[in-house]
Amino acid sequence: MQAVIFCGIQATGKSTFYKQRFFNSHIRISLDLLRTRNREQRLLALCLDTQARFVVDNTNPSAAERARYIGPAKQLGYRIVGYFFHSVAQEALIRNQSRPLPEQVPDRGIFGTRARLELPEYAEGFDELYYVRIGPDGTFVVETWKP
């Protein structure tokens, strides 16, 4: 059983990474899609009850926000894998502007998330951590986390 937790500001490639790496193997838990914490919690509970592999495709900027997924999954024996996405606000703003208008995040939302961003730590319960950035050719570069 595997729980994957994404962490990073908006427009850093999290959802695209999910589609490329996990679409065919993991259920996607996304507050953007589910729209309410209640729905999100219900889907998480279903994944945990059925021992399904899942990815939390949210910004998850703080340890406290990540704990809502890590704690319950860890208690049930899940392996917790974290991916931190390179989070430079100015780069995210440029990528955000290339999104269709209804999918764009207000600039203040990106800056607000960036201000709350805490680097993940193994002590939160992660079994594996990775750093993800977008390479010059537009592909994802994944590196092992170096604390």
C-alpha atoms as a PDB file:
ATOM      1  CA  MET A   1       0.000   0.000   0.000  1.00  0.00           C
ATOM      2  CA  GLN A   2       1.337   3.366  -0.971  1.00  0.00           C
ATOM      3  CA  ALA A   3       0.229   6.905  -0.185  1.00  0.00           C
ATOM      4  CA  VAL A   4       1.851   9.630  -2.272  1.00  0.00           C
ATOM      5  CA  ILE A   5       1.759  13.195  -0.970  1.00  0.00           C
ATOM      6  CA  PHE A   6       2.531  16.109  -3.286  1.00  0.00           C
ATOM      7  CA  CYS A   7       3.819  19.382  -1.866  1.00  0.00           C
ATOM      8  CA  GLY A   8       4.382  22.628  -3.731  1.00  0.00           C
ATOM      9  CA  ILE A   9       2.769  25.865  -4.799  1.00  0.00           C
ATOM     10  CA  GLN A  10       0.214  26.065  -7.577  1.00  0.00           C
ATOM     11  CA  ALA A  11       1.379  25.793 -11.224  1.00  0.00           C
ATOM     12  CA  THR A  12       4.488  23.733 -10.478  1.00  0.00           C
ATOM     13  CA  GLY A  13       3.365  20.647 -12.412  1.00  0.00           C
ATOM     14  CA  LYS A  14       1.777  18.484  -9.720  1.00  0.00           C
ATOM     15  CA  SER A  15      -1.329  17.449 -11.679  1.00  0.00           C
ATOM     16  CA  THR A  16       0.626  16.878 -14.894  1.00  0.00           C
ATOM     17  CA  PHE A  17       3.119  14.757 -12.945  1.00  0.00           C
ATOM     18  CA  TYR A  18       0.231  12.729 -11.518  1.00  0.00           C
ATOM     19  CA  LYS A  19      -1.177  12.118 -15.013  1.00  0.00           C
ATOM     20  CA  GLN A  20       2.214  11.014 -16.329  1.00  0.00           C
ATOM     21  CA  ARG A  21       3.339   8.855 -13.402  1.00  0.00           C
ATOM     22  CA  PHE A  22       0.341   7.677 -11.394  1.00  0.00           C
ATOM     23  CA  PHE A  23      -2.846   7.919 -13.494  1.00  0.00           C
ATOM     24  CA  ASN A  24      -3.029   4.191 -14.170  1.00  0.00           C
ATOM     25  CA  SER A  25      -2.066   3.007 -10.701  1.00  0.00           C
ATOM     26  CA  HIS A  26      -3.246   5.443  -7.985  1.00  0.00           C
ATOM     27  CA  ILE A  27      -6.520   7.155  -7.093  1.00  0.00           C
ATOM     28  CA  ARG A  28      -6.211  10.944  -7.246  1.00  0.00           C
ATOM     29  CA  ILE A  29      -7.391  12.885  -4.202  1.00  0.00           C
ATOM     30  CA  SER A  30      -7.624  16.517  -5.251  1.00  0.00           C
ATOM     31  CA  LEU A  31      -9.395  19.311  -3.426  1.00  0.00           C
ATOM     32  CA  ASP A  32      -9.599  21.173  -6.753  1.00  0.00           C
ATOM     33  CA  LEU A  33     -11.750  18.341  -8.111  1.00  0.00           C
ATOM     34  CA  LEU A  34     -13.682  17.405  -4.980  1.00  0.00           C
ATOM     35  CA  ARG A  35     -14.329  21.044  -3.928  1.00  0.00           C
ATOM     36  CA  THR A  36     -14.916  20.384  -0.214  1.00  0.00           C
ATOM     37  CA  ARG A  37     -12.869  18.950   2.642  1.00  0.00           C
ATOM     38  CA  ASN A  38     -15.806  16.685   3.512  1.00  0.00           C
ATOM     39  CA  ARG A  39     -15.719  15.034   0.071  1.00  0.00           C
ATOM     40  CA  GLU A  40     -11.954  14.849   0.212  1.00  0.00           C
ATOM     41  CA  GLN A  41     -12.075  13.173   3.650  1.00  0.00           C
ATOM     42  CA  ARG A  42     -14.675  10.682   2.431  1.00  0.00           C
ATOM     43  CA  LEU A  43     -12.536   9.687  -0.573  1.00  0.00           C
ATOM     44  CA  LEU A  44      -9.466   9.371   1.656  1.00  0.00           C
ATOM     45  CA  ALA A  45     -11.439   7.152   4.046  1.00  0.00           C
ATOM     46  CA  LEU A  46     -12.586   4.979   1.128  1.00  0.00           C
ATOM     47  CA  CYS A  47      -9.003   4.599  -0.095  1.00  0.00           C
ATOM     48  CA  LEU A  48      -7.839   3.650   3.393  1.00  0.00           C
ATOM     49  CA  ASP A  49     -10.745   1.236   3.952  1.00  0.00           C
ATOM     50  CA  THR A  50     -10.068  -0.551   0.656  1.00  0.00           C
ATOM     51  CA  GLN A  51      -6.262  -0.355   0.933  1.00  0.00           C
ATOM     52  CA  ALA A  52      -6.110   1.472  -2.390  1.00  0.00           C
ATOM     53  CA  ARG A  53      -3.009   3.298  -3.552  1.00  0.00           C
ATOM     54  CA  PHE A  54      -3.588   7.032  -3.744  1.00  0.00           C
ATOM     55  CA  VAL A  55      -1.981  10.381  -4.525  1.00  0.00           C
ATOM     56  CA  VAL A  56      -2.899  13.578  -2.699  1.00  0.00           C
ATOM     57  CA  ASP A  57      -2.646  16.164  -5.472  1.00  0.00           C
ATOM     58  CA  ASN A  58      -2.920  19.342  -3.396  1.00  0.00           C
ATOM     59  CA  THR A  59      -0.436  22.071  -2.477  1.00  0.00           C
ATOM     60  CA  ASN A  60       0.004  20.670   1.075  1.00  0.00           C
ATOM     61  CA  PRO A  61       2.297  23.562   2.039  1.00  0.00           C
ATOM     62  CA  SER A  62       2.645  22.799   5.753  1.00  0.00           C
ATOM     63  CA  ALA A  63       3.449  19.784   7.892  1.00  0.00           C
ATOM     64  CA  ALA A  64       0.087  20.242   9.633  1.00  0.00           C
ATOM     65  CA  GLU A  65      -1.767  20.005   6.326  1.00  0.00           C
ATOM     66  CA  ARG A  66       0.211  16.940   5.252  1.00  0.00           C
ATOM     67  CA  ALA A  67      -0.470  15.257   8.610  1.00  0.00           C
ATOM     68  CA  ARG A  68      -4.181  14.848   7.772  1.00  0.00           C
ATOM     69  CA  TYR A  69      -3.148  12.231   5.188  1.00  0.00           C
ATOM     70  CA  ILE A  70       0.107  10.874   6.601  1.00  0.00           C
ATOM     71  CA  GLY A  71      -1.179  10.018  10.080  1.00  0.00           C
ATOM     72  CA  PRO A  72      -4.159   7.849   9.095  1.00  0.00           C
ATOM     73  CA  ALA A  73      -2.269   6.158   6.248  1.00  0.00           C
ATOM     74  CA  LYS A  74       0.756   5.426   8.440  1.00  0.00           C
ATOM     75  CA  GLN A  75      -1.479   3.871  11.115  1.00  0.00           C
ATOM     76  CA  LEU A  76      -2.760   1.404   8.521  1.00  0.00           C
ATOM     77  CA  GLY A  77       0.696   0.412   7.310  1.00  0.00           C
ATOM     78  CA  TYR A  78       0.935   2.522   4.179  1.00  0.00           C
ATOM     79  CA  ARG A  79       4.325   3.434   2.778  1.00  0.00           C
ATOM     80  CA  ILE A  80       4.372   7.250   2.605  1.00  0.00           C
ATOM     81  CA  VAL A  81       6.128   8.816  -0.372  1.00  0.00           C
ATOM     82  CA  GLY A  82       6.490  12.576  -0.716  1.00  0.00           C
ATOM     83  CA  TYR A  83       7.249  14.675  -3.777  1.00  0.00           C
ATOM     84  CA  PHE A  84       8.249  18.308  -3.269  1.00  0.00           C
ATOM     85  CA  PHE A  85       7.836  20.399  -6.415  1.00  0.00           C
ATOM     86  CA  HIS A  86      10.305  23.195  -7.125  1.00  0.00           C
ATOM     87  CA  SER A  87       8.351  26.233  -5.945  1.00  0.00           C
ATOM     88  CA  VAL A  88       9.511  29.595  -7.271  1.00  0.00           C
ATOM     89  CA  ALA A  89       6.560  31.993  -7.328  1.00  0.00           C
ATOM     90  CA  GLN A  90       7.701  33.963 -10.396  1.00  0.00           C
ATOM     91  CA  GLU A  91       8.072  30.772 -12.464  1.00  0.00           C
ATOM     92  CA  ALA A  92       4.683  29.524 -11.278  1.00  0.00           C
ATOM     93  CA  LEU A  93       3.050  32.827 -12.256  1.00  0.00           C
ATOM     94  CA  ILE A  94       4.322  32.438 -15.815  1.00  0.00           C
ATOM     95  CA  ARG A  95       3.074  28.847 -16.073  1.00  0.00           C
ATOM     96  CA  ASN A  96      -0.229  29.855 -14.477  1.00  0.00           C
ATOM     97  CA  GLN A  97      -0.806  32.455 -17.217  1.00  0.00           C
ATOM     98  CA  SER A  98      -0.558  29.731 -19.872  1.00  0.00           C
ATOM     99  CA  ARG A  99      -3.488  27.843 -18.325  1.00  0.00           C
ATOM    100  CA  PRO A 100      -7.013  28.343 -19.668  1.00  0.00           C
ATOM    101  CA  LEU A 101      -8.564  31.335 -17.896  1.00  0.00           C
ATOM    102  CA  PRO A 102     -11.034  29.307 -15.762  1.00  0.00           C
ATOM    103  CA  GLU A 103      -8.123  27.193 -14.440  1.00  0.00           C
ATOM    104  CA  GLN A 104      -5.863  30.097 -13.495  1.00  0.00           C
ATOM    105  CA  VAL A 105      -5.121  30.735  -9.847  1.00  0.00           C
ATOM    106  CA  PRO A 106      -5.133  34.360  -8.665  1.00  0.00           C
ATOM    107  CA  ASP A 107      -1.572  35.652  -8.161  1.00  0.00           C
ATOM    108  CA  ARG A 108      -2.303  36.301  -4.480  1.00  0.00           C
ATOM    109  CA  GLY A 109      -3.156  32.599  -4.087  1.00  0.00           C
ATOM    110  CA  ILE A 110       0.246  31.556  -5.401  1.00  0.00           C
ATOM    111  CA  PHE A 111       2.066  34.084  -3.204  1.00  0.00           C
ATOM    112  CA  GLY A 112      -0.054  33.110  -0.186  1.00  0.00           C
ATOM    113  CA  THR A 113       0.754  29.418  -0.581  1.00  0.00           C
ATOM    114  CA  ARG A 114       4.442  30.229  -1.104  1.00  0.00           C
ATOM    115  CA  ALA A 115       4.476  32.204   2.160  1.00  0.00           C
ATOM    116  CA  ARG A 116       3.106  29.165   4.059  1.00  0.00           C
ATOM    117  CA  LEU A 117       5.363  26.619   2.359  1.00  0.00           C
ATOM    118  CA  GLU A 118       7.372  24.398   4.711  1.00  0.00           C
ATOM    119  CA  LEU A 119       9.893  21.930   3.349  1.00  0.00           C
ATOM    120  CA  PRO A 120       8.859  18.338   4.066  1.00  0.00           C
ATOM    121  CA  GLU A 121      10.873  16.272   6.527  1.00  0.00           C
ATOM    122  CA  TYR A 122      11.212  12.549   7.078  1.00  0.00           C
ATOM    123  CA  ALA A 123      10.156  13.161  10.689  1.00  0.00           C
ATOM    124  CA  GLU A 124       6.600  13.861   9.443  1.00  0.00           C
ATOM    125  CA  GLY A 125       6.300  10.156   8.616  1.00  0.00           C
ATOM    126  CA  PHE A 126       7.644   9.983   5.077  1.00  0.00           C
ATOM    127  CA  ASP A 127       9.381   6.754   4.086  1.00  0.00           C
ATOM    128  CA  GLU A 128      10.709   8.295   0.874  1.00  0.00           C
ATOM    129  CA  LEU A 129      11.066  11.892  -0.291  1.00  0.00           C
ATOM    130  CA  TYR A 130      11.830  13.294  -3.722  1.00  0.00           C
ATOM    131  CA  TYR A 131      12.474  16.708  -5.237  1.00  0.00           C
ATOM    132  CA  VAL A 132      10.797  17.419  -8.588  1.00  0.00           C
ATOM    133  CA  ARG A 133      11.616  20.197 -11.024  1.00  0.00           C
ATOM    134  CA  ILE A 134      10.752  20.892 -14.613  1.00  0.00           C
ATOM    135  CA  GLY A 135      13.809  20.514 -16.839  1.00  0.00           C
ATOM    136  CA  PRO A 136      14.744  22.817 -19.725  1.00  0.00           C
ATOM    137  CA  ASP A 137      13.051  20.478 -22.193  1.00  0.00           C
ATOM    138  CA  GLY A 138       9.788  20.520 -20.200  1.00  0.00           C
ATOM    139  CA  THR A 139      10.157  17.025 -18.760  1.00  0.00           C
ATOM    140  CA  PHE A 140      10.180  16.270 -15.059  1.00  0.00           C
ATOM    141  CA  VAL A 141      13.472  15.734 -13.280  1.00  0.00           C
ATOM    142  CA  VAL A 142      13.077  13.677 -10.090  1.00  0.00           C
ATOM    143  CA  GLU A 143      15.887  13.540  -7.546  1.00  0.00           C
ATOM    144  CA  THR A 144      16.175  11.878  -4.170  1.00  0.00           C
ATOM    145  CA  TRP A 145      15.555  14.331  -1.339  1.00  0.00           C
ATOM    146  CA  LYS A 146      18.685  15.675   0.304  1.00  0.00           C
ATOM    147  CA  PRO A 147      17.816  16.931   3.796  1.00  0.00           C
END
